[in-house]
Protein backbone atom coordinates (compact mmCIF):
# COMPACT_ATOMS: atom_id res chain seq x y z
CA MET A 1 -8.50 -16.16 11.26
CA SER A 2 -11.62 -18.03 10.34
CA THR A 3 -11.87 -19.45 6.82
CA ASP A 4 -15.48 -18.23 6.70
CA THR A 5 -14.31 -14.60 6.58
CA LEU A 6 -11.22 -15.06 4.42
CA LEU A 7 -13.17 -14.74 1.15
CA ARG A 8 -16.68 -13.56 0.53
CA VAL A 9 -18.80 -14.39 -2.50
CA GLU A 10 -20.75 -11.30 -3.55
CA LYS A 11 -23.04 -12.93 -6.10
CA GLY A 12 -23.85 -16.56 -6.70
CA ASN A 13 -22.72 -19.63 -4.80
CA ALA A 14 -19.10 -20.73 -4.93
CA GLU A 15 -18.21 -24.33 -4.25
CA PRO A 16 -15.35 -25.10 -1.84
CA GLU A 17 -13.21 -26.22 -4.80
CA GLU A 18 -13.71 -22.86 -6.52
CA LEU A 19 -12.75 -20.96 -3.37
CA ALA A 20 -9.67 -23.17 -3.00
CA ALA A 21 -8.68 -22.45 -6.61
CA ILE A 22 -8.97 -18.68 -6.29
CA THR A 23 -7.13 -18.77 -2.97
CA ALA A 24 -4.28 -20.72 -4.61
CA ILE A 25 -4.11 -18.20 -7.45
CA LEU A 26 -4.03 -15.22 -5.09
CA LEU A 27 -1.33 -16.80 -2.92
CA ALA A 28 0.76 -17.65 -5.99
CA ARG A 29 0.51 -14.08 -7.27
CA ALA A 30 1.45 -12.69 -3.87
CA ALA A 31 4.48 -15.00 -3.70
CA ALA A 32 5.57 -14.02 -7.23
CA THR A 33 5.72 -10.29 -6.41
CA PRO A 34 9.28 -9.03 -6.88
CA GLU A 35 11.06 -7.93 -3.73
CA ALA A 36 11.74 -4.49 -5.23
CA ALA A 37 8.02 -3.76 -5.35
CA THR A 38 7.73 -4.13 -1.59
CA ILE A 39 10.54 -1.68 -0.74
CA PRO A 40 9.05 1.75 0.02
CA ARG A 41 10.21 4.62 -2.14
CA SER A 42 11.93 7.65 -0.74
CA GLN A 43 9.91 9.85 -3.08
CA ALA A 44 6.25 9.86 -4.05
CA GLY A 45 5.36 8.48 -7.48
CA TRP A 46 3.05 11.40 -8.15
CA ARG A 47 3.36 15.18 -8.12
CA ARG A 48 1.34 17.62 -6.12
CA LEU A 49 -0.65 19.97 -8.32
CA GLU A 50 0.20 23.03 -6.25
CA ARG A 51 3.91 22.49 -7.00
CA THR A 52 3.55 22.46 -10.76
CA PRO A 53 4.06 25.63 -12.77
CA GLY A 54 0.92 27.61 -13.45
CA PHE A 55 1.32 27.71 -17.21
CA ARG A 56 2.19 25.01 -19.68
CA GLY A 57 2.80 25.75 -23.31
CA PRO A 58 0.11 24.92 -25.87
CA ARG A 59 2.33 22.22 -27.40
CA SER A 60 3.29 20.66 -24.10
CA TRP A 61 2.76 16.91 -23.69
CA GLN A 62 2.09 17.34 -19.96
CA GLY A 63 -1.58 17.77 -19.17
């Protein structure tokens, strides 16, 4: 992979030192990610709207 396409500056001009600093930060954050976050779930973290009941009570905290 070419280093020219690794990061792209959208606005302004970044010096090589600035690009190196942001690259180091991103790599450190990626390395600090807990292993549990990378294991796929067996169930979705969201619910499908068509599977929810049609009526919720007026005092319900959901929705």
